[in-house]
PDB file of all heavy atoms in Angstrom:
ATOM      1  N   PRO A   1     -26.522  13.329 157.958  1.00  0.00           N
ATOM      2  CA  PRO A   1     -26.919  14.725 158.133  1.00  0.00           C
ATOM      3  C   PRO A   1     -25.999  15.634 157.323  1.00  0.00           C
ATOM      4  O   PRO A   1     -24.868  15.262 157.024  1.00  0.00           O
ATOM      5  CB  PRO A   1     -26.758  14.966 159.633  1.00  0.00           C
ATOM      6  CG  PRO A   1     -25.804  13.934 160.081  1.00  0.00           C
ATOM      7  CD  PRO A   1     -25.985  12.753 159.187  1.00  0.00           C
ATOM      8  N   PRO A   2     -26.479  16.807 156.997  1.00  0.00           N
ATOM      9  CA  PRO A   2     -25.627  17.718 156.232  1.00  0.00           C
ATOM     10  C   PRO A   2     -24.399  18.127 157.042  1.00  0.00           C
ATOM     11  O   PRO A   2     -24.469  18.284 158.267  1.00  0.00           O
ATOM     12  CB  PRO A   2     -26.536  18.918 155.960  1.00  0.00           C
ATOM     13  CG  PRO A   2     -27.624  18.829 156.966  1.00  0.00           C
ATOM     14  CD  PRO A   2     -27.783  17.383 157.291  1.00  0.00           C
ATOM     15  N   THR A   3     -23.282  18.298 156.372  1.00  0.00           N
ATOM     16  CA  THR A   3     -22.054  18.667 157.072  1.00  0.00           C
ATOM     17  C   THR A   3     -21.952  20.162 157.279  1.00  0.00           C
ATOM     18  O   THR A   3     -21.256  20.616 158.175  1.00  0.00           O
ATOM     19  CB  THR A   3     -20.822  18.173 156.297  1.00  0.00           C
ATOM     20  OG1 THR A   3     -20.885  18.690 154.976  1.00  0.00           O
ATOM     21  CG2 THR A   3     -20.794  16.656 156.252  1.00  0.00           C
ATOM     22  N   SER A   4     -22.627  20.936 156.464  1.00  0.00           N
ATOM     23  CA  SER A   4     -22.606  22.385 156.653  1.00  0.00           C
ATOM     24  C   SER A   4     -24.025  22.871 156.886  1.00  0.00           C
ATOM     25  O   SER A   4     -24.975  22.422 156.250  1.00  0.00           O
ATOM     26  CB  SER A   4     -22.013  23.073 155.429  1.00  0.00           C
ATOM     27  OG  SER A   4     -22.817  22.839 154.306  1.00  0.00           O
ATOM     28  N   THR A   5     -24.161  23.788 157.822  1.00  0.00           N
ATOM     29  CA  THR A   5     -25.467  24.355 158.125  1.00  0.00           C
ATOM     30  C   THR A   5     -25.376  25.862 157.996  1.00  0.00           C
ATOM     31  O   THR A   5     -24.313  26.457 158.169  1.00  0.00           O
ATOM     32  CB  THR A   5     -25.917  23.977 159.542  1.00  0.00           C
ATOM     33  OG1 THR A   5     -24.887  24.348 160.455  1.00  0.00           O
ATOM     34  CG2 THR A   5     -26.170  22.490 159.642  1.00  0.00           C
ATOM     35  N   SER A   6     -26.508  26.496 157.739  1.00  0.00           N
ATOM     36  CA  SER A   6     -26.484  27.927 157.465  1.00  0.00           C
ATOM     37  C   SER A   6     -26.731  28.778 158.703  1.00  0.00           C
ATOM     38  O   SER A   6     -26.105  29.798 158.885  1.00  0.00           O
ATOM     39  CB  SER A   6     -27.512  28.264 156.390  1.00  0.00           C
ATOM     40  OG  SER A   6     -28.794  27.864 156.823  1.00  0.00           O
ATOM     41  N   GLY A   7     -27.648  28.370 159.576  1.00  0.00           N
ATOM     42  CA  GLY A   7     -27.988  29.197 160.721  1.00  0.00           C
ATOM     43  C   GLY A   7     -27.476  28.637 162.032  1.00  0.00           C
ATOM     44  O   GLY A   7     -27.080  27.477 162.130  1.00  0.00           O
ATOM     45  N   SER A   8     -27.510  29.480 163.065  1.00  0.00           N
ATOM     46  CA  SER A   8     -27.023  29.032 164.371  1.00  0.00           C
ATOM     47  C   SER A   8     -27.965  28.000 164.985  1.00  0.00           C
ATOM     48  O   SER A   8     -27.511  27.074 165.660  1.00  0.00           O
ATOM     49  CB  SER A   8     -26.858  30.233 165.309  1.00  0.00           C
ATOM     50  OG  SER A   8     -28.096  30.884 165.492  1.00  0.00           O
ATOM     51  N   THR A   9     -29.268  28.131 164.746  1.00  0.00           N
ATOM     52  CA  THR A   9     -30.213  27.153 165.262  1.00  0.00           C
ATOM     53  C   THR A   9     -29.981  25.790 164.616  1.00  0.00           C
ATOM     54  O   THR A   9     -30.036  24.754 165.287  1.00  0.00           O
ATOM     55  CB  THR A   9     -31.656  27.612 164.982  1.00  0.00           C
ATOM     56  OG1 THR A   9     -31.830  28.910 165.515  1.00  0.00           O
ATOM     57  CG2 THR A   9     -32.663  26.669 165.604  1.00  0.00           C
ATOM     58  N   ALA A  10     -29.700  25.782 163.331  1.00  0.00           N
ATOM     59  CA  ALA A  10     -29.428  24.528 162.633  1.00  0.00           C
ATOM     60  C   ALA A  10     -28.140  23.890 163.148  1.00  0.00           C
ATOM     61  O   ALA A  10     -28.047  22.671 163.259  1.00  0.00           O
ATOM     62  CB  ALA A  10     -29.340  24.769 161.135  1.00  0.00           C
ATOM     63  N   LYS A  11     -27.152  24.712 163.490  1.00  0.00           N
ATOM     64  CA  LYS A  11     -25.899  24.184 164.023  1.00  0.00           C
ATOM     65  C   LYS A  11     -26.113  23.537 165.391  1.00  0.00           C
ATOM     66  O   LYS A  11     -25.574  22.477 165.682  1.00  0.00           O
ATOM     67  CB  LYS A  11     -24.844  25.283 164.121  1.00  0.00           C
ATOM     68  CG  LYS A  11     -24.346  25.736 162.770  1.00  0.00           C
ATOM     69  CD  LYS A  11     -23.327  26.827 162.896  1.00  0.00           C
ATOM     70  CE  LYS A  11     -22.910  27.312 161.516  1.00  0.00           C
ATOM     71  NZ  LYS A  11     -21.941  28.393 161.579  1.00  0.00           N
ATOM     72  N   VAL A  12     -26.933  24.174 166.236  1.00  0.00           N
ATOM     73  CA  VAL A  12     -27.240  23.608 167.551  1.00  0.00           C
ATOM     74  C   VAL A  12     -28.018  22.310 167.391  1.00  0.00           C
ATOM     75  O   VAL A  12     -27.724  21.307 168.053  1.00  0.00           O
ATOM     76  CB  VAL A  12     -28.035  24.624 168.406  1.00  0.00           C
ATOM     77  CG1 VAL A  12     -28.566  23.979 169.674  1.00  0.00           C
ATOM     78  CG2 VAL A  12     -27.164  25.821 168.736  1.00  0.00           C
ATOM     79  N   ALA A  13     -29.000  22.291 166.503  1.00  0.00           N
ATOM     80  CA  ALA A  13     -29.792  21.080 166.274  1.00  0.00           C
ATOM     81  C   ALA A  13     -28.920  19.949 165.741  1.00  0.00           C
ATOM     82  O   ALA A  13     -29.064  18.800 166.158  1.00  0.00           O
ATOM     83  CB  ALA A  13     -30.936  21.374 165.310  1.00  0.00           C
ATOM     84  N   LEU A  14     -28.004  20.249 164.848  1.00  0.00           N
ATOM     85  CA  LEU A  14     -27.114  19.235 164.303  1.00  0.00           C
ATOM     86  C   LEU A  14     -26.196  18.676 165.385  1.00  0.00           C
ATOM     87  O   LEU A  14     -25.996  17.472 165.489  1.00  0.00           O
ATOM     88  CB  LEU A  14     -26.295  19.804 163.151  1.00  0.00           C
ATOM     89  CG  LEU A  14     -25.318  18.851 162.480  1.00  0.00           C
ATOM     90  CD1 LEU A  14     -26.072  17.675 161.873  1.00  0.00           C
ATOM     91  CD2 LEU A  14     -24.516  19.572 161.421  1.00  0.00           C
ATOM     92  N   ALA A  15     -25.674  19.552 166.243  1.00  0.00           N
ATOM     93  CA  ALA A  15     -24.806  19.092 167.331  1.00  0.00           C
ATOM     94  C   ALA A  15     -25.587  18.220 168.313  1.00  0.00           C
ATOM     95  O   ALA A  15     -25.098  17.166 168.747  1.00  0.00           O
ATOM     96  CB  ALA A  15     -24.195  20.281 168.051  1.00  0.00           C
ATOM     97  N   LEU A  16     -26.813  18.631 168.664  1.00  0.00           N
ATOM     98  CA  LEU A  16     -27.623  17.857 169.604  1.00  0.00           C
ATOM     99  C   LEU A  16     -27.989  16.492 169.048  1.00  0.00           C
ATOM    100  O   LEU A  16     -27.880  15.482 169.748  1.00  0.00           O
ATOM    101  CB  LEU A  16     -28.895  18.620 169.965  1.00  0.00           C
ATOM    102  CG  LEU A  16     -28.747  19.718 170.997  1.00  0.00           C
ATOM    103  CD1 LEU A  16     -30.044  20.499 171.133  1.00  0.00           C
ATOM    104  CD2 LEU A  16     -28.341  19.144 172.329  1.00  0.00           C
ATOM    105  N   THR A  17     -28.416  16.447 167.797  1.00  0.00           N
ATOM    106  CA  THR A  17     -28.825  15.164 167.242  1.00  0.00           C
ATOM    107  C   THR A  17     -27.634  14.243 167.032  1.00  0.00           C
ATOM    108  O   THR A  17     -27.777  13.027 167.076  1.00  0.00           O
ATOM    109  CB  THR A  17     -29.583  15.334 165.914  1.00  0.00           C
ATOM    110  OG1 THR A  17     -28.785  16.113 165.013  1.00  0.00           O
ATOM    111  CG2 THR A  17     -30.916  16.002 166.138  1.00  0.00           C
ATOM    112  N   THR A  18     -26.451  14.812 166.821  1.00  0.00           N
ATOM    113  CA  THR A  18     -25.253  13.988 166.709  1.00  0.00           C
ATOM    114  C   THR A  18     -24.928  13.349 168.052  1.00  0.00           C
ATOM    115  O   THR A  18     -24.530  12.185 168.127  1.00  0.00           O
ATOM    116  CB  THR A  18     -24.065  14.833 166.227  1.00  0.00           C
ATOM    117  OG1 THR A  18     -24.396  15.410 164.969  1.00  0.00           O
ATOM    118  CG2 THR A  18     -22.816  13.987 166.076  1.00  0.00           C
ATOM    119  N   ILE A  19     -25.139  14.083 169.144  1.00  0.00           N
ATOM    120  CA  ILE A  19     -24.802  13.590 170.478  1.00  0.00           C
ATOM    121  C   ILE A  19     -25.871  12.648 171.019  1.00  0.00           C
ATOM    122  O   ILE A  19     -25.564  11.541 171.457  1.00  0.00           O
ATOM    123  CB  ILE A  19     -24.587  14.769 171.445  1.00  0.00           C
ATOM    124  CG1 ILE A  19     -23.351  15.567 171.018  1.00  0.00           C
ATOM    125  CG2 ILE A  19     -24.446  14.286 172.879  1.00  0.00           C
ATOM    126  CD1 ILE A  19     -23.199  16.872 171.747  1.00  0.00           C
ATOM    127  N   VAL A  20     -27.139  13.059 171.019  1.00  0.00           N
ATOM    128  CA  VAL A  20     -28.180  12.276 171.695  1.00  0.00           C
ATOM    129  C   VAL A  20     -29.043  11.449 170.753  1.00  0.00           C
ATOM    130  O   VAL A  20     -29.839  10.645 171.210  1.00  0.00           O
ATOM    131  CB  VAL A  20     -29.101  13.167 172.561  1.00  0.00           C
ATOM    132  CG1 VAL A  20     -28.327  13.801 173.667  1.00  0.00           C
ATOM    133  CG2 VAL A  20     -29.813  14.212 171.737  1.00  0.00           C
ATOM    134  N   GLY A  21     -28.940  11.622 169.476  1.00  0.00           N
ATOM    135  CA  GLY A  21     -29.676  10.776 168.537  1.00  0.00           C
ATOM    136  C   GLY A  21     -30.836  11.471 167.867  1.00  0.00           C
ATOM    137  O   GLY A  21     -30.912  11.495 166.654  1.00  0.00           O
ATOM    138  N   THR A  22     -31.770  12.026 168.634  1.00  0.00           N
ATOM    139  CA  THR A  22     -32.922  12.697 168.035  1.00  0.00           C
ATOM    140  C   THR A  22     -33.225  13.971 168.811  1.00  0.00           C
ATOM    141  O   THR A  22     -32.819  14.141 169.964  1.00  0.00           O
ATOM    142  CB  THR A  22     -34.185  11.814 168.075  1.00  0.00           C
ATOM    143  OG1 THR A  22     -34.534  11.581 169.442  1.00  0.00           O
ATOM    144  CG2 THR A  22     -33.973  10.493 167.354  1.00  0.00           C
ATOM    145  N   MET A  23     -33.961  14.859 168.193  1.00  0.00           N
ATOM    146  CA  MET A  23     -34.357  16.085 168.877  1.00  0.00           C
ATOM    147  C   MET A  23     -35.360  15.773 169.990  1.00  0.00           C
ATOM    148  O   MET A  23     -35.398  16.466 170.995  1.00  0.00           O
ATOM    149  CB  MET A  23     -34.950  17.095 167.886  1.00  0.00           C
ATOM    150  CG  MET A  23     -33.915  17.818 167.052  1.00  0.00           C
ATOM    151  SD  MET A  23     -32.635  18.666 168.014  1.00  0.00           S
ATOM    152  CE  MET A  23     -33.565  19.954 168.810  1.00  0.00           C
ATOM    153  N   TRP A  24     -36.172  14.732 169.838  1.00  0.00           N
ATOM    154  CA  TRP A  24     -37.114  14.384 170.902  1.00  0.00           C
ATOM    155  C   TRP A  24     -36.369  13.983 172.167  1.00  0.00           C
ATOM    156  O   TRP A  24     -36.785  14.311 173.280  1.00  0.00           O
ATOM    157  CB  TRP A  24     -38.057  13.271 170.452  1.00  0.00           C
ATOM    158  CG  TRP A  24     -39.057  13.763 169.465  1.00  0.00           C
ATOM    159  CD1 TRP A  24     -39.140  13.435 168.151  1.00  0.00           C
ATOM    160  CD2 TRP A  24     -40.098  14.719 169.695  1.00  0.00           C
ATOM    161  NE1 TRP A  24     -40.167  14.123 167.551  1.00  0.00           N
ATOM    162  CE2 TRP A  24     -40.778  14.917 168.471  1.00  0.00           C
ATOM    163  CE3 TRP A  24     -40.518  15.438 170.810  1.00  0.00           C
ATOM    164  CZ2 TRP A  24     -41.841  15.792 168.352  1.00  0.00           C
ATOM    165  CZ3 TRP A  24     -41.591  16.302 170.675  1.00  0.00           C
ATOM    166  CH2 TRP A  24     -42.236  16.466 169.455  1.00  0.00           C
ATOM    167  N   CYS A  25     -35.265  13.292 172.006  1.00  0.00           N
ATOM    168  CA  CYS A  25     -34.440  12.928 173.161  1.00  0.00           C
ATOM    169  C   CYS A  25     -33.846  14.190 173.785  1.00  0.00           C
ATOM    170  O   CYS A  25     -33.793  14.318 175.010  1.00  0.00           O
ATOM    171  CB  CYS A  25     -33.352  11.955 172.732  1.00  0.00           C
ATOM    172  SG  CYS A  25     -32.391  11.308 174.088  1.00  0.00           S
ATOM    173  N   ALA A  26     -33.399  15.122 172.978  1.00  0.00           N
ATOM    174  CA  ALA A  26     -32.859  16.380 173.490  1.00  0.00           C
ATOM    175  C   ALA A  26     -33.939  17.157 174.244  1.00  0.00           C
ATOM    176  O   ALA A  26     -33.665  17.733 175.305  1.00  0.00           O
ATOM    177  CB  ALA A  26     -32.299  17.221 172.345  1.00  0.00           C
ATOM    178  N   TYR A  27     -35.157  17.172 173.718  1.00  0.00           N
ATOM    179  CA  TYR A  27     -36.264  17.854 174.408  1.00  0.00           C
ATOM    180  C   TYR A  27     -36.546  17.186 175.755  1.00  0.00           C
ATOM    181  O   TYR A  27     -36.796  17.866 176.754  1.00  0.00           O
ATOM    182  CB  TYR A  27     -37.532  17.842 173.557  1.00  0.00           C
ATOM    183  CG  TYR A  27     -37.435  18.619 172.265  1.00  0.00           C
ATOM    184  CD1 TYR A  27     -38.139  18.205 171.147  1.00  0.00           C
ATOM    185  CD2 TYR A  27     -36.650  19.753 172.157  1.00  0.00           C
ATOM    186  CE1 TYR A  27     -38.066  18.908 169.961  1.00  0.00           C
ATOM    187  CE2 TYR A  27     -36.566  20.464 170.977  1.00  0.00           C
ATOM    188  CZ  TYR A  27     -37.276  20.039 169.880  1.00  0.00           C
ATOM    189  OH  TYR A  27     -37.204  20.722 168.706  1.00  0.00           O
ATOM    190  N   ALA A  28     -36.525  15.862 175.792  1.00  0.00           N
ATOM    191  CA  ALA A  28     -36.774  15.141 177.048  1.00  0.00           C
ATOM    192  C   ALA A  28     -35.703  15.476 178.079  1.00  0.00           C
ATOM    193  O   ALA A  28     -36.018  15.705 179.259  1.00  0.00           O
ATOM    194  CB  ALA A  28     -36.817  13.638 176.789  1.00  0.00           C
ATOM    195  N   PHE A  29     -34.439  15.528 177.674  1.00  0.00           N
ATOM    196  CA  PHE A  29     -33.374  15.896 178.600  1.00  0.00           C
ATOM    197  C   PHE A  29     -33.549  17.328 179.102  1.00  0.00           C
ATOM    198  O   PHE A  29     -33.308  17.619 180.279  1.00  0.00           O
ATOM    199  CB  PHE A  29     -32.005  15.743 177.944  1.00  0.00           C
ATOM    200  CG  PHE A  29     -31.567  14.320 177.776  1.00  0.00           C
ATOM    201  CD1 PHE A  29     -30.806  13.955 176.683  1.00  0.00           C
ATOM    202  CD2 PHE A  29     -31.891  13.337 178.697  1.00  0.00           C
ATOM    203  CE1 PHE A  29     -30.386  12.650 176.510  1.00  0.00           C
ATOM    204  CE2 PHE A  29     -31.488  12.032 178.537  1.00  0.00           C
ATOM    205  CZ  PHE A  29     -30.727  11.687 177.438  1.00  0.00           C
ATOM    206  N   ALA A  30     -33.961  18.227 178.217  1.00  0.00           N
ATOM    207  CA  ALA A  30     -34.159  19.624 178.612  1.00  0.00           C
ATOM    208  C   ALA A  30     -35.304  19.751 179.620  1.00  0.00           C
ATOM    209  O   ALA A  30     -35.182  20.473 180.623  1.00  0.00           O
ATOM    210  CB  ALA A  30     -34.433  20.480 177.380  1.00  0.00           C
ATOM    211  N   VAL A  31     -36.403  19.050 179.381  1.00  0.00           N
ATOM    212  CA  VAL A  31     -37.533  19.095 180.322  1.00  0.00           C
ATOM    213  C   VAL A  31     -37.128  18.510 181.667  1.00  0.00           C
ATOM    214  O   VAL A  31     -37.448  19.078 182.721  1.00  0.00           O
ATOM    215  CB  VAL A  31     -38.753  18.352 179.726  1.00  0.00           C
ATOM    216  CG1 VAL A  31     -39.827  18.123 180.771  1.00  0.00           C
ATOM    217  CG2 VAL A  31     -39.306  19.125 178.548  1.00  0.00           C
ATOM    218  N   LEU A  32     -36.412  17.409 181.662  1.00  0.00           N
ATOM    219  CA  LEU A  32     -35.948  16.809 182.911  1.00  0.00           C
ATOM    220  C   LEU A  32     -35.052  17.772 183.679  1.00  0.00           C
ATOM    221  O   LEU A  32     -35.180  17.918 184.895  1.00  0.00           O
ATOM    222  CB  LEU A  32     -35.205  15.502 182.619  1.00  0.00           C
ATOM    223  CG  LEU A  32     -34.637  14.767 183.823  1.00  0.00           C
ATOM    224  CD1 LEU A  32     -35.761  14.300 184.736  1.00  0.00           C
ATOM    225  CD2 LEU A  32     -33.798  13.592 183.364  1.00  0.00           C
ATOM    226  N   ALA A  33     -34.171  18.449 182.984  1.00  0.00           N
ATOM    227  CA  ALA A  33     -33.289  19.408 183.644  1.00  0.00           C
ATOM    228  C   ALA A  33     -34.079  20.582 184.213  1.00  0.00           C
ATOM    229  O   ALA A  33     -33.804  21.042 185.329  1.00  0.00           O
ATOM    230  CB  ALA A  33     -32.233  19.902 182.667  1.00  0.00           C
ATOM    231  N   LEU A  34     -35.075  21.077 183.483  1.00  0.00           N
ATOM    232  CA  LEU A  34     -35.865  22.201 183.969  1.00  0.00           C
ATOM    233  C   LEU A  34     -36.761  21.818 185.139  1.00  0.00           C
ATOM    234  O   LEU A  34     -37.021  22.634 186.021  1.00  0.00           O
ATOM    235  CB  LEU A  34     -36.698  22.786 182.835  1.00  0.00           C
ATOM    236  CG  LEU A  34     -35.892  23.509 181.756  1.00  0.00           C
ATOM    237  CD1 LEU A  34     -36.813  23.955 180.622  1.00  0.00           C
ATOM    238  CD2 LEU A  34     -35.145  24.689 182.339  1.00  0.00           C
ATOM    239  N   VAL A  35     -37.222  20.585 185.190  1.00  0.00           N
ATOM    240  CA  VAL A  35     -38.036  20.125 186.313  1.00  0.00           C
ATOM    241  C   VAL A  35     -37.186  20.014 187.574  1.00  0.00           C
ATOM    242  O   VAL A  35     -37.618  20.377 188.664  1.00  0.00           O
ATOM    243  CB  VAL A  35     -38.707  18.770 185.977  1.00  0.00           C
ATOM    244  CG1 VAL A  35     -39.270  18.094 187.207  1.00  0.00           C
ATOM    245  CG2 VAL A  35     -39.795  18.976 184.941  1.00  0.00           C
TER     246      VAL A  35
END
């Protein structure tokens, strides 16, 4: 993944995908938490 990102949304997405692997996994965790 790129080491530098331009926007805050890109920085959040990069941090999430580094931790959980994919954005789909991050979405699943978010839905589970909201439920």
